[in-house]
Amino acid sequence: MSSNNPPRFLSMEDFNRIKSQYSKFNEPWQSSEIEELKNMKADDVPIQAIAQQLQRTPGSIRMKLKSLGLYTPRPAAVPWTEEDENRLVAMYSDGIPFEEMAETIGRSVTAIISRLVRLRMNLFN
């Protein structure tokens, strides 16, 4: 059963944007998807690649792995890589919401905003 109604915390615009990128966003997990998720996790496939393959957000992948007892979060205070910073700046330039940036990069919204400030991005145009 597909849900075309956004969760309460999302605007319809944000819901449609996420749904266009991840077609199974806000839909129940199927047993075949869970098996595929377990197999990819066992093969050390990165969260972002799993998200693309299963058409679900990285946050949804993490939550499902956590519910299955298969998710180990990144340790606190992991240094930012140049690649992470470049992705962050690109997402910010594209107008991606902070929550989605955080989910994609695997950091908190606070960490995202702090890094953007440190990179001297003008957050409040």
PDB file of N, CA and C in Angstrom:
ATOM      1  N   MET A   1       0.843  -1.184   0.000  1.00  0.00           N
ATOM      2  CA  MET A   1       0.000   0.000   0.000  1.00  0.00           C
ATOM      3  C   MET A   1       0.886   1.244   0.000  1.00  0.00           C
ATOM      4  N   SER A   2       0.720   2.075  -0.978  1.00  0.00           N
ATOM      5  CA  SER A   2       1.529   3.276  -1.132  1.00  0.00           C
ATOM      6  C   SER A   2       0.872   4.440  -0.410  1.00  0.00           C
ATOM      7  N   SER A   3       1.703   5.288   0.165  1.00  0.00           N
ATOM      8  CA  SER A   3       1.171   6.460   0.848  1.00  0.00           C
ATOM      9  C   SER A   3       1.599   7.705   0.097  1.00  0.00           C
ATOM     10  N   ASN A   4       0.632   8.472  -0.362  1.00  0.00           N
ATOM     11  CA  ASN A   4       0.930   9.713  -1.057  1.00  0.00           C
ATOM     12  C   ASN A   4       0.704  10.917  -0.167  1.00  0.00           C
ATOM     13  N   ASN A   5       0.553  10.676   1.119  1.00  0.00           N
ATOM     14  CA  ASN A   5       0.403  11.762   2.077  1.00  0.00           C
ATOM     15  C   ASN A   5       1.708  11.936   2.822  1.00  0.00           C
ATOM     16  N   PRO A   6       2.171  13.180   2.924  1.00  0.00           N
ATOM     17  CA  PRO A   6       3.439  13.399   3.617  1.00  0.00           C
ATOM     18  C   PRO A   6       3.313  13.183   5.118  1.00  0.00           C
ATOM     19  N   PRO A   7       4.404  12.736   5.758  1.00  0.00           N
ATOM     20  CA  PRO A   7       4.407  12.719   7.225  1.00  0.00           C
ATOM     21  C   PRO A   7       4.157  14.141   7.721  1.00  0.00           C
ATOM     22  N   ARG A   8       3.631  14.275   8.923  1.00  0.00           N
ATOM     23  CA  ARG A   8       3.260  15.597   9.456  1.00  0.00           C
ATOM     24  C   ARG A   8       4.390  16.614   9.459  1.00  0.00           C
ATOM     25  N   PHE A   9       5.626  16.152   9.600  1.00  0.00           N
ATOM     26  CA  PHE A   9       6.740  17.085   9.726  1.00  0.00           C
ATOM     27  C   PHE A   9       7.243  17.601   8.377  1.00  0.00           C
ATOM     28  N   LEU A  10       6.682  17.128   7.256  1.00  0.00           N
ATOM     29  CA  LEU A  10       7.128  17.558   5.934  1.00  0.00           C
ATOM     30  C   LEU A  10       6.047  18.360   5.224  1.00  0.00           C
ATOM     31  N   SER A  11       6.484  19.355   4.482  1.00  0.00           N
ATOM     32  CA  SER A  11       5.545  20.051   3.606  1.00  0.00           C
ATOM     33  C   SER A  11       5.295  19.156   2.394  1.00  0.00           C
ATOM     34  N   MET A  12       4.235  19.407   1.682  1.00  0.00           N
ATOM     35  CA  MET A  12       3.935  18.629   0.476  1.00  0.00           C
ATOM     36  C   MET A  12       5.057  18.790  -0.545  1.00  0.00           C
ATOM     37  N   GLU A  13       5.618  19.995  -0.626  1.00  0.00           N
ATOM     38  CA  GLU A  13       6.721  20.256  -1.558  1.00  0.00           C
ATOM     39  C   GLU A  13       7.933  19.385  -1.212  1.00  0.00           C
ATOM     40  N   ASP A  14       8.316  19.357   0.069  1.00  0.00           N
ATOM     41  CA  ASP A  14       9.446  18.519   0.488  1.00  0.00           C
ATOM     42  C   ASP A  14       9.139  17.042   0.269  1.00  0.00           C
ATOM     43  N   PHE A  15       7.907  16.634   0.593  1.00  0.00           N
ATOM     44  CA  PHE A  15       7.505  15.242   0.395  1.00  0.00           C
ATOM     45  C   PHE A  15       7.661  14.844  -1.072  1.00  0.00           C
ATOM     46  N   ASN A  16       7.149  15.672  -1.975  1.00  0.00           N
ATOM     47  CA  ASN A  16       7.225  15.363  -3.406  1.00  0.00           C
ATOM     48  C   ASN A  16       8.662  15.335  -3.909  1.00  0.00           C
ATOM     49  N   ARG A  17       9.500  16.227  -3.389  1.00  0.00           N
ATOM     50  CA  ARG A  17      10.907  16.262  -3.807  1.00  0.00           C
ATOM     51  C   ARG A  17      11.620  14.991  -3.361  1.00  0.00           C
ATOM     52  N   ILE A  18      11.399  14.583  -2.111  1.00  0.00           N
ATOM     53  CA  ILE A  18      12.032  13.359  -1.609  1.00  0.00           C
ATOM     54  C   ILE A  18      11.472  12.152  -2.352  1.00  0.00           C
ATOM     55  N   LYS A  19      10.175  12.118  -2.559  1.00  0.00           N
ATOM     56  CA  LYS A  19       9.520  10.996  -3.248  1.00  0.00           C
ATOM     57  C   LYS A  19      10.047  10.861  -4.677  1.00  0.00           C
ATOM     58  N   SER A  20      10.368  11.991  -5.320  1.00  0.00           N
ATOM     59  CA  SER A  20      10.895  11.923  -6.689  1.00  0.00           C
ATOM     60  C   SER A  20      12.301  11.333  -6.719  1.00  0.00           C
ATOM     61  N   GLN A  21      13.034  11.479  -5.630  1.00  0.00           N
ATOM     62  CA  GLN A  21      14.389  10.929  -5.554  1.00  0.00           C
ATOM     63  C   GLN A  21      14.387   9.497  -5.020  1.00  0.00           C
ATOM     64  N   TYR A  22      13.495   9.201  -4.089  1.00  0.00           N
ATOM     65  CA  TYR A  22      13.410   7.874  -3.469  1.00  0.00           C
ATOM     66  C   TYR A  22      11.960   7.405  -3.595  1.00  0.00           C
ATOM     67  N   SER A  23      11.666   6.639  -4.636  1.00  0.00           N
ATOM     68  CA  SER A  23      10.276   6.301  -4.966  1.00  0.00           C
ATOM     69  C   SER A  23       9.544   5.520  -3.876  1.00  0.00           C
ATOM     70  N   LYS A  24      10.269   4.848  -2.986  1.00  0.00           N
ATOM     71  CA  LYS A  24       9.602   4.076  -1.930  1.00  0.00           C
ATOM     72  C   LYS A  24       9.556   4.823  -0.598  1.00  0.00           C
ATOM     73  N   PHE A  25       9.841   6.122  -0.632  1.00  0.00           N
ATOM     74  CA  PHE A  25       9.772   6.947   0.569  1.00  0.00           C
ATOM     75  C   PHE A  25       8.376   6.861   1.171  1.00  0.00           C
ATOM     76  N   ASN A  26       8.306   6.646   2.476  1.00  0.00           N
ATOM     77  CA  ASN A  26       7.053   6.636   3.235  1.00  0.00           C
ATOM     78  C   ASN A  26       6.164   5.431   2.906  1.00  0.00           C
ATOM     79  N   GLU A  27       6.744   4.383   2.338  1.00  0.00           N
ATOM     80  CA  GLU A  27       5.987   3.163   2.044  1.00  0.00           C
ATOM     81  C   GLU A  27       6.446   2.043   2.968  1.00  0.00           C
ATOM     82  N   PRO A  28       5.570   1.092   3.283  1.00  0.00           N
ATOM     83  CA  PRO A  28       5.961  -0.033   4.143  1.00  0.00           C
ATOM     84  C   PRO A  28       7.047  -0.886   3.480  1.00  0.00           C
ATOM     85  N   TRP A  29       7.893  -1.477   4.317  1.00  0.00           N
ATOM     86  CA  TRP A  29       8.945  -2.365   3.821  1.00  0.00           C
ATOM     87  C   TRP A  29       8.346  -3.717   3.447  1.00  0.00           C
ATOM     88  N   GLN A  30       8.806  -4.266   2.331  1.00  0.00           N
ATOM     89  CA  GLN A  30       8.423  -5.611   1.902  1.00  0.00           C
ATOM     90  C   GLN A  30       9.496  -6.592   2.379  1.00  0.00           C
ATOM     91  N   SER A  31       9.126  -7.838   2.620  1.00  0.00           N
ATOM     92  CA  SER A  31      10.089  -8.830   3.115  1.00  0.00           C
ATOM     93  C   SER A  31      11.244  -9.023   2.137  1.00  0.00           C
ATOM     94  N   SER A  32      10.981  -8.934   0.844  1.00  0.00           N
ATOM     95  CA  SER A  32      12.059  -9.082  -0.144  1.00  0.00           C
ATOM     96  C   SER A  32      13.070  -7.936  -0.039  1.00  0.00           C
ATOM     97  N   GLU A  33      12.583  -6.729   0.270  1.00  0.00           N
ATOM     98  CA  GLU A  33      13.477  -5.583   0.447  1.00  0.00           C
ATOM     99  C   GLU A  33      14.341  -5.758   1.692  1.00  0.00           C
ATOM    100  N   ILE A  34      13.750  -6.289   2.744  1.00  0.00           N
ATOM    101  CA  ILE A  34      14.496  -6.500   3.990  1.00  0.00           C
ATOM    102  C   ILE A  34      15.608  -7.514   3.754  1.00  0.00           C
ATOM    103  N   GLU A  35      15.327  -8.560   3.009  1.00  0.00           N
ATOM    104  CA  GLU A  35      16.359  -9.554   2.691  1.00  0.00           C
ATOM    105  C   GLU A  35      17.472  -8.933   1.856  1.00  0.00           C
ATOM    106  N   GLU A  36      17.095  -8.121   0.873  1.00  0.00           N
ATOM    107  CA  GLU A  36      18.091  -7.442   0.042  1.00  0.00           C
ATOM    108  C   GLU A  36      18.935  -6.494   0.894  1.00  0.00           C
ATOM    109  N   LEU A  37      18.293  -5.788   1.812  1.00  0.00           N
ATOM    110  CA  LEU A  37      18.999  -4.893   2.730  1.00  0.00           C
ATOM    111  C   LEU A  37      20.016  -5.671   3.562  1.00  0.00           C
ATOM    112  N   LYS A  38      19.597  -6.789   4.135  1.00  0.00           N
ATOM    113  CA  LYS A  38      20.507  -7.613   4.946  1.00  0.00           C
ATOM    114  C   LYS A  38      21.698  -8.085   4.121  1.00  0.00           C
ATOM    115  N   ASN A  39      21.443  -8.506   2.890  1.00  0.00           N
ATOM    116  CA  ASN A  39      22.528  -8.981   2.028  1.00  0.00           C
ATOM    117  C   ASN A  39      23.514  -7.866   1.693  1.00  0.00           C
ATOM    118  N   MET A  40      22.998  -6.685   1.378  1.00  0.00           N
ATOM    119  CA  MET A  40      23.884  -5.564   1.050  1.00  0.00           C
ATOM    120  C   MET A  40      24.687  -5.138   2.272  1.00  0.00           C
ATOM    121  N   LYS A  41      24.055  -5.130   3.441  1.00  0.00           N
ATOM    122  CA  LYS A  41      24.767  -4.776   4.672  1.00  0.00           C
ATOM    123  C   LYS A  41      25.879  -5.786   4.934  1.00  0.00           C
ATOM    124  N   ALA A  42      25.592  -7.081   4.732  1.00  0.00           N
ATOM    125  CA  ALA A  42      26.601  -8.127   4.930  1.00  0.00           C
ATOM    126  C   ALA A  42      27.770  -7.957   3.963  1.00  0.00           C
ATOM    127  N   ASP A  43      27.496  -7.389   2.787  1.00  0.00           N
ATOM    128  CA  ASP A  43      28.541  -7.144   1.787  1.00  0.00           C
ATOM    129  C   ASP A  43      29.211  -5.783   1.970  1.00  0.00           C
ATOM    130  N   ASP A  44      28.914  -5.087   3.082  1.00  0.00           N
ATOM    131  CA  ASP A  44      29.487  -3.770   3.393  1.00  0.00           C
ATOM    132  C   ASP A  44      29.202  -2.712   2.328  1.00  0.00           C
ATOM    133  N   VAL A  45      28.036  -2.777   1.727  1.00  0.00           N
ATOM    134  CA  VAL A  45      27.627  -1.754   0.764  1.00  0.00           C
ATOM    135  C   VAL A  45      27.324  -0.478   1.554  1.00  0.00           C
ATOM    136  N   PRO A  46      27.839   0.689   1.120  1.00  0.00           N
ATOM    137  CA  PRO A  46      27.577   1.940   1.845  1.00  0.00           C
ATOM    138  C   PRO A  46      26.086   2.278   1.899  1.00  0.00           C
ATOM    139  N   ILE A  47      25.689   2.953   2.968  1.00  0.00           N
ATOM    140  CA  ILE A  47      24.292   3.340   3.188  1.00  0.00           C
ATOM    141  C   ILE A  47      23.719   4.076   1.977  1.00  0.00           C
ATOM    142  N   GLN A  48      24.465   5.029   1.437  1.00  0.00           N
ATOM    143  CA  GLN A  48      23.966   5.816   0.303  1.00  0.00           C
ATOM    144  C   GLN A  48      23.681   4.919  -0.897  1.00  0.00           C
ATOM    145  N   ALA A  49      24.547   3.949  -1.163  1.00  0.00           N
ATOM    146  CA  ALA A  49      24.340   3.032  -2.291  1.00  0.00           C
ATOM    147  C   ALA A  49      23.128   2.126  -2.042  1.00  0.00           C
ATOM    148  N   ILE A  50      22.972   1.687  -0.793  1.00  0.00           N
ATOM    149  CA  ILE A  50      21.797   0.874  -0.444  1.00  0.00           C
ATOM    150  C   ILE A  50      20.531   1.703  -0.665  1.00  0.00           C
ATOM    151  N   ALA A  51      20.569   2.966  -0.230  1.00  0.00           N
ATOM    152  CA  ALA A  51      19.413   3.858  -0.380  1.00  0.00           C
ATOM    153  C   ALA A  51      19.023   3.999  -1.851  1.00  0.00           C
ATOM    154  N   GLN A  52      20.003   4.205  -2.703  1.00  0.00           N
ATOM    155  CA  GLN A  52      19.718   4.341  -4.133  1.00  0.00           C
ATOM    156  C   GLN A  52      19.134   3.048  -4.699  1.00  0.00           C
ATOM    157  N   GLN A  53      19.732   1.922  -4.340  1.00  0.00           N
ATOM    158  CA  GLN A  53      19.273   0.627  -4.849  1.00  0.00           C
ATOM    159  C   GLN A  53      17.837   0.318  -4.412  1.00  0.00           C
ATOM    160  N   LEU A  54      17.540   0.569  -3.144  1.00  0.00           N
ATOM    161  CA  LEU A  54      16.218   0.242  -2.607  1.00  0.00           C
ATOM    162  C   LEU A  54      15.206   1.377  -2.762  1.00  0.00           C
ATOM    163  N   GLN A  55      15.673   2.535  -3.276  1.00  0.00           N
ATOM    164  CA  GLN A  55      14.799   3.691  -3.477  1.00  0.00           C
ATOM    165  C   GLN A  55      14.164   4.171  -2.173  1.00  0.00           C
ATOM    166  N   ARG A  56      14.993   4.176  -1.111  1.00  0.00           N
ATOM    167  CA  ARG A  56      14.574   4.669   0.202  1.00  0.00           C
ATOM    168  C   ARG A  56      15.621   5.668   0.684  1.00  0.00           C
ATOM    169  N   THR A  57      15.238   6.548   1.585  1.00  0.00           N
ATOM    170  CA  THR A  57      16.189   7.544   2.074  1.00  0.00           C
ATOM    171  C   THR A  57      17.268   6.877   2.923  1.00  0.00           C
ATOM    172  N   PRO A  58      18.451   7.494   2.998  1.00  0.00           N
ATOM    173  CA  PRO A  58      19.495   6.953   3.873  1.00  0.00           C
ATOM    174  C   PRO A  58      19.013   6.815   5.323  1.00  0.00           C
ATOM    175  N   GLY A  59      18.199   7.765   5.790  1.00  0.00           N
ATOM    176  CA  GLY A  59      17.667   7.683   7.153  1.00  0.00           C
ATOM    177  C   GLY A  59      16.767   6.475   7.340  1.00  0.00           C
ATOM    178  N   SER A  60      15.961   6.170   6.338  1.00  0.00           N
ATOM    179  CA  SER A  60      15.095   4.996   6.396  1.00  0.00           C
ATOM    180  C   SER A  60      15.928   3.718   6.435  1.00  0.00           C
ATOM    181  N   ILE A  61      17.000   3.694   5.671  1.00  0.00           N
ATOM    182  CA  ILE A  61      17.901   2.529   5.665  1.00  0.00           C
ATOM    183  C   ILE A  61      18.499   2.347   7.056  1.00  0.00           C
ATOM    184  N   ARG A  62      19.004   3.447   7.637  1.00  0.00           N
ATOM    185  CA  ARG A  62      19.607   3.365   8.976  1.00  0.00           C
ATOM    186  C   ARG A  62      18.589   2.885  10.011  1.00  0.00           C
ATOM    187  N   MET A  63      17.376   3.434   9.955  1.00  0.00           N
ATOM    188  CA  MET A  63      16.345   3.053  10.929  1.00  0.00           C
ATOM    189  C   MET A  63      15.990   1.573  10.806  1.00  0.00           C
ATOM    190  N   LYS A  64      15.878   1.083   9.579  1.00  0.00           N
ATOM    191  CA  LYS A  64      15.535  -0.328   9.389  1.00  0.00           C
ATOM    192  C   LYS A  64      16.689  -1.211   9.869  1.00  0.00           C
ATOM    193  N   LEU A  65      17.931  -0.838   9.536  1.00  0.00           N
ATOM    194  CA  LEU A  65      19.082  -1.611  10.012  1.00  0.00           C
ATOM    195  C   LEU A  65      19.127  -1.621  11.538  1.00  0.00           C
ATOM    196  N   LYS A  66      18.835  -0.466  12.154  1.00  0.00           N
ATOM    197  CA  LYS A  66      18.833  -0.384  13.616  1.00  0.00           C
ATOM    198  C   LYS A  66      17.763  -1.303  14.195  1.00  0.00           C
ATOM    199  N   SER A  67      16.568  -1.313  13.589  1.00  0.00           N
ATOM    200  CA  SER A  67      15.492  -2.171  14.098  1.00  0.00           C
ATOM    201  C   SER A  67      15.830  -3.653  13.943  1.00  0.00           C
ATOM    202  N   LEU A  68      16.699  -3.967  12.989  1.00  0.00           N
ATOM    203  CA  LEU A  68      17.141  -5.347  12.773  1.00  0.00           C
ATOM    204  C   LEU A  68      18.386  -5.689  13.595  1.00  0.00           C
ATOM    205  N   GLY A  69      18.904  -4.686  14.346  1.00  0.00           N
ATOM    206  CA  GLY A  69      20.114  -4.898  15.138  1.00  0.00           C
ATOM    207  C   GLY A  69      21.372  -4.958  14.297  1.00  0.00           C
ATOM    208  N   LEU A  70      21.336  -4.328  13.116  1.00  0.00           N
ATOM    209  CA  LEU A  70      22.467  -4.404  12.187  1.00  0.00           C
ATOM    210  C   LEU A  70      23.160  -3.067  11.951  1.00  0.00           C
ATOM    211  N   TYR A  71      22.760  -2.024  12.665  1.00  0.00           N
ATOM    212  CA  TYR A  71      23.337  -0.703  12.414  1.00  0.00           C
ATOM    213  C   TYR A  71      24.266  -0.296  13.541  1.00  0.00           C
ATOM    214  N   THR A  72      25.468   0.075  13.166  1.00  0.00           N
ATOM    215  CA  THR A  72      26.433   0.632  14.103  1.00  0.00           C
ATOM    216  C   THR A  72      26.728   2.053  13.637  1.00  0.00           C
ATOM    217  N   PRO A  73      26.260   3.060  14.384  1.00  0.00           N
ATOM    218  CA  PRO A  73      26.478   4.438  13.937  1.00  0.00           C
ATOM    219  C   PRO A  73      27.954   4.808  13.926  1.00  0.00           C
ATOM    220  N   ARG A  74      28.242   5.820  13.145  1.00  0.00           N
ATOM    221  CA  ARG A  74      29.611   6.331  13.108  1.00  0.00           C
ATOM    222  C   ARG A  74      29.965   6.853  14.497  1.00  0.00           C
ATOM    223  N   PRO A  75      31.218   6.694  14.884  1.00  0.00           N
ATOM    224  CA  PRO A  75      31.629   7.236  16.187  1.00  0.00           C
ATOM    225  C   PRO A  75      31.484   8.761  16.214  1.00  0.00           C
ATOM    226  N   ALA A  76      31.267   9.292  17.406  1.00  0.00           N
ATOM    227  CA  ALA A  76      31.154  10.744  17.565  1.00  0.00           C
ATOM    228  C   ALA A  76      32.470  11.407  17.188  1.00  0.00           C
ATOM    229  N   ALA A  77      32.373  12.628  16.772  1.00  0.00           N
ATOM    230  CA  ALA A  77      33.533  13.453  16.452  1.00  0.00           C
ATOM    231  C   ALA A  77      34.384  12.867  15.331  1.00  0.00           C
ATOM    232  N   VAL A  78      33.722  12.293  14.335  1.00  0.00           N
ATOM    233  CA  VAL A  78      34.447  11.828  13.155  1.00  0.00           C
ATOM    234  C   VAL A  78      34.855  13.065  12.368  1.00  0.00           C
ATOM    235  N   PRO A  79      36.119  13.185  12.034  1.00  0.00           N
ATOM    236  CA  PRO A  79      36.557  14.376  11.294  1.00  0.00           C
ATOM    237  C   PRO A  79      35.836  14.502   9.949  1.00  0.00           C
ATOM    238  N   TRP A  80      35.590  15.727   9.557  1.00  0.00           N
ATOM    239  CA  TRP A  80      34.982  15.984   8.257  1.00  0.00           C
ATOM    240  C   TRP A  80      36.030  15.755   7.177  1.00  0.00           C
ATOM    241  N   THR A  81      35.638  15.079   6.119  1.00  0.00           N
ATOM    242  CA  THR A  81      36.535  14.905   4.978  1.00  0.00           C
ATOM    243  C   THR A  81      36.260  16.020   3.979  1.00  0.00           C
ATOM    244  N   GLU A  82      37.203  16.242   3.101  1.00  0.00           N
ATOM    245  CA  GLU A  82      37.004  17.243   2.053  1.00  0.00           C
ATOM    246  C   GLU A  82      35.812  16.848   1.178  1.00  0.00           C
ATOM    247  N   GLU A  83      35.659  15.547   0.940  1.00  0.00           N
ATOM    248  CA  GLU A  83      34.527  15.056   0.148  1.00  0.00           C
ATOM    249  C   GLU A  83      33.199  15.386   0.831  1.00  0.00           C
ATOM    250  N   ASP A  84      33.114  15.166   2.168  1.00  0.00           N
ATOM    251  CA  ASP A  84      31.896  15.500   2.913  1.00  0.00           C
ATOM    252  C   ASP A  84      31.595  16.990   2.811  1.00  0.00           C
ATOM    253  N   GLU A  85      32.627  17.813   2.971  1.00  0.00           N
ATOM    254  CA  GLU A  85      32.425  19.261   2.898  1.00  0.00           C
ATOM    255  C   GLU A  85      31.958  19.681   1.508  1.00  0.00           C
ATOM    256  N   ASN A  86      32.552  19.099   0.471  1.00  0.00           N
ATOM    257  CA  ASN A  86      32.144  19.434  -0.898  1.00  0.00           C
ATOM    258  C   ASN A  86      30.693  19.034  -1.153  1.00  0.00           C
ATOM    259  N   ARG A  87      30.302  17.845  -0.667  1.00  0.00           N
ATOM    260  CA  ARG A  87      28.917  17.398  -0.814  1.00  0.00           C
ATOM    261  C   ARG A  87      27.979  18.338  -0.065  1.00  0.00           C
ATOM    262  N   LEU A  88      28.386  18.740   1.136  1.00  0.00           N
ATOM    263  CA  LEU A  88      27.571  19.632   1.956  1.00  0.00           C
ATOM    264  C   LEU A  88      27.344  20.968   1.248  1.00  0.00           C
ATOM    265  N   VAL A  89      28.413  21.555   0.739  1.00  0.00           N
ATOM    266  CA  VAL A  89      28.306  22.839   0.045  1.00  0.00           C
ATOM    267  C   VAL A  89      27.428  22.697  -1.200  1.00  0.00           C
ATOM    268  N   ALA A  90      27.585  21.610  -1.939  1.00  0.00           N
ATOM    269  CA  ALA A  90      26.767  21.388  -3.139  1.00  0.00           C
ATOM    270  C   ALA A  90      25.292  21.253  -2.771  1.00  0.00           C
ATOM    271  N   MET A  91      25.005  20.490  -1.717  1.00  0.00           N
ATOM    272  CA  MET A  91      23.614  20.325  -1.297  1.00  0.00           C
ATOM    273  C   MET A  91      23.032  21.654  -0.827  1.00  0.00           C
ATOM    274  N   TYR A  92      23.827  22.418  -0.075  1.00  0.00           N
ATOM    275  CA  TYR A  92      23.364  23.719   0.398  1.00  0.00           C
ATOM    276  C   TYR A  92      23.068  24.634  -0.792  1.00  0.00           C
ATOM    277  N   SER A  93      23.964  24.635  -1.778  1.00  0.00           N
ATOM    278  CA  SER A  93      23.775  25.464  -2.973  1.00  0.00           C
ATOM    279  C   SER A  93      22.536  25.056  -3.755  1.00  0.00           C
ATOM    280  N   ASP A  94      22.182  23.765  -3.694  1.00  0.00           N
ATOM    281  CA  ASP A  94      20.996  23.259  -4.387  1.00  0.00           C
ATOM    282  C   ASP A  94      19.711  23.464  -3.587  1.00  0.00           C
ATOM    283  N   GLY A  95      19.831  24.044  -2.390  1.00  0.00           N
ATOM    284  CA  GLY A  95      18.645  24.324  -1.584  1.00  0.00           C
ATOM    285  C   GLY A  95      18.075  23.127  -0.847  1.00  0.00           C
ATOM    286  N   ILE A  96      18.899  22.106  -0.636  1.00  0.00           N
ATOM    287  CA  ILE A  96      18.451  20.914   0.087  1.00  0.00           C
ATOM    288  C   ILE A  96      18.228  21.294   1.555  1.00  0.00           C
ATOM    289  N   PRO A  97      17.125  20.865   2.179  1.00  0.00           N
ATOM    290  CA  PRO A  97      16.878  21.182   3.595  1.00  0.00           C
ATOM    291  C   PRO A  97      17.949  20.580   4.509  1.00  0.00           C
ATOM    292  N   PHE A  98      18.202  21.242   5.619  1.00  0.00           N
ATOM    293  CA  PHE A  98      19.225  20.787   6.565  1.00  0.00           C
ATOM    294  C   PHE A  98      18.995  19.338   6.990  1.00  0.00           C
ATOM    295  N   GLU A  99      17.730  18.978   7.228  1.00  0.00           N
ATOM    296  CA  GLU A  99      17.425  17.615   7.682  1.00  0.00           C
ATOM    297  C   GLU A  99      17.854  16.577   6.650  1.00  0.00           C
ATOM    298  N   GLU A 100      17.610  16.871   5.388  1.00  0.00           N
ATOM    299  CA  GLU A 100      17.995  15.933   4.333  1.00  0.00           C
ATOM    300  C   GLU A 100      19.511  15.879   4.178  1.00  0.00           C
ATOM    301  N   MET A 101      20.177  17.044   4.312  1.00  0.00           N
ATOM    302  CA  MET A 101      21.644  17.054   4.267  1.00  0.00           C
ATOM    303  C   MET A 101      22.195  16.158   5.369  1.00  0.00           C
ATOM    304  N   ALA A 102      21.638  16.318   6.574  1.00  0.00           N
ATOM    305  CA  ALA A 102      22.099  15.541   7.731  1.00  0.00           C
ATOM    306  C   ALA A 102      21.909  14.054   7.483  1.00  0.00           C
ATOM    307  N   GLU A 103      20.764  13.699   6.949  1.00  0.00           N
ATOM    308  CA  GLU A 103      20.454  12.296   6.687  1.00  0.00           C
ATOM    309  C   GLU A 103      21.407  11.718   5.640  1.00  0.00           C
ATOM    310  N   THR A 104      21.654  12.473   4.594  1.00  0.00           N
ATOM    311  CA  THR A 104      22.505  12.010   3.500  1.00  0.00           C
ATOM    312  C   THR A 104      23.956  11.844   3.943  1.00  0.00           C
ATOM    313  N   ILE A 105      24.458  12.813   4.697  1.00  0.00           N
ATOM    314  CA  ILE A 105      25.868  12.780   5.098  1.00  0.00           C
ATOM    315  C   ILE A 105      26.080  11.938   6.351  1.00  0.00           C
ATOM    316  N   GLY A 106      25.008  11.699   7.106  1.00  0.00           N
ATOM    317  CA  GLY A 106      25.136  10.880   8.307  1.00  0.00           C
ATOM    318  C   GLY A 106      25.603  11.659   9.520  1.00  0.00           C
ATOM    319  N   ARG A 107      25.146  12.909   9.609  1.00  0.00           N
ATOM    320  CA  ARG A 107      25.490  13.763  10.749  1.00  0.00           C
ATOM    321  C   ARG A 107      24.223  14.444  11.245  1.00  0.00           C
ATOM    322  N   SER A 108      24.312  15.046  12.406  1.00  0.00           N
ATOM    323  CA  SER A 108      23.144  15.734  12.957  1.00  0.00           C
ATOM    324  C   SER A 108      22.917  17.061  12.228  1.00  0.00           C
ATOM    325  N   VAL A 109      21.701  17.578  12.359  1.00  0.00           N
ATOM    326  CA  VAL A 109      21.390  18.885  11.782  1.00  0.00           C
ATOM    327  C   VAL A 109      22.304  19.940  12.397  1.00  0.00           C
ATOM    328  N   THR A 110      22.549  19.835  13.692  1.00  0.00           N
ATOM    329  CA  THR A 110      23.447  20.781  14.363  1.00  0.00           C
ATOM    330  C   THR A 110      24.843  20.726  13.760  1.00  0.00           C
ATOM    331  N   ALA A 111      25.340  19.525  13.497  1.00  0.00           N
ATOM    332  CA  ALA A 111      26.672  19.379  12.891  1.00  0.00           C
ATOM    333  C   ALA A 111      26.695  19.988  11.491  1.00  0.00           C
ATOM    334  N   ILE A 112      25.606  19.815  10.747  1.00  0.00           N
ATOM    335  CA  ILE A 112      25.515  20.367   9.392  1.00  0.00           C
ATOM    336  C   ILE A 112      25.582  21.891   9.446  1.00  0.00           C
ATOM    337  N   ILE A 113      24.765  22.485  10.299  1.00  0.00           N
ATOM    338  CA  ILE A 113      24.736  23.949  10.405  1.00  0.00           C
ATOM    339  C   ILE A 113      26.075  24.477  10.900  1.00  0.00           C
ATOM    340  N   SER A 114      26.652  23.821  11.896  1.00  0.00           N
ATOM    341  CA  SER A 114      27.951  24.252  12.425  1.00  0.00           C
ATOM    342  C   SER A 114      29.027  24.218  11.352  1.00  0.00           C
ATOM    343  N   ARG A 115      29.022  23.170  10.545  1.00  0.00           N
ATOM    344  CA  ARG A 115      30.042  23.060   9.498  1.00  0.00           C
ATOM    345  C   ARG A 115      29.819  24.124   8.428  1.00  0.00           C
ATOM    346  N   LEU A 116      28.575  24.381   8.068  1.00  0.00           N
ATOM    347  CA  LEU A 116      28.300  25.430   7.086  1.00  0.00           C
ATOM    348  C   LEU A 116      28.756  26.793   7.599  1.00  0.00           C
ATOM    349  N   VAL A 117      28.519  27.058   8.878  1.00  0.00           N
ATOM    350  CA  VAL A 117      28.985  28.319   9.473  1.00  0.00           C
ATOM    351  C   VAL A 117      30.507  28.374   9.423  1.00  0.00           C
ATOM    352  N   ARG A 118      31.150  27.274   9.784  1.00  0.00           N
ATOM    353  CA  ARG A 118      32.612  27.224   9.766  1.00  0.00           C
ATOM    354  C   ARG A 118      33.150  27.440   8.347  1.00  0.00           C
ATOM    355  N   LEU A 119      32.408  26.964   7.354  1.00  0.00           N
ATOM    356  CA  LEU A 119      32.811  27.143   5.956  1.00  0.00           C
ATOM    357  C   LEU A 119      32.416  28.521   5.427  1.00  0.00           C
ATOM    358  N   ARG A 120      31.871  29.333   6.336  1.00  0.00           N
ATOM    359  CA  ARG A 120      31.484  30.713   6.041  1.00  0.00           C
ATOM    360  C   ARG A 120      30.387  30.825   4.979  1.00  0.00           C
ATOM    361  N   MET A 121      29.462  29.883   5.021  1.00  0.00           N
ATOM    362  CA  MET A 121      28.316  29.949   4.124  1.00  0.00           C
ATOM    363  C   MET A 121      27.316  30.933   4.732  1.00  0.00           C
ATOM    364  N   ASN A 122      26.687  31.726   3.898  1.00  0.00           N
ATOM    365  CA  ASN A 122      25.683  32.676   4.364  1.00  0.00           C
ATOM    366  C   ASN A 122      24.355  31.931   4.488  1.00  0.00           C
ATOM    367  N   LEU A 123      24.006  31.512   5.697  1.00  0.00           N
ATOM    368  CA  LEU A 123      22.843  30.664   5.903  1.00  0.00           C
ATOM    369  C   LEU A 123      21.518  31.403   5.858  1.00  0.00           C
ATOM    370  N   PHE A 124      21.532  32.675   6.061  1.00  0.00           N
ATOM    371  CA  PHE A 124      20.268  33.409   6.165  1.00  0.00           C
ATOM    372  C   PHE A 124      20.243  34.558   5.171  1.00  0.00           C
ATOM    373  N   ASN A 125      20.082  34.201   3.897  1.00  0.00           N
ATOM    374  CA  ASN A 125      20.070  35.222   2.829  1.00  0.00           C
ATOM    375  C   ASN A 125      18.855  36.101   2.962  1.00  0.00           C
TER     376      ASN A 125
END
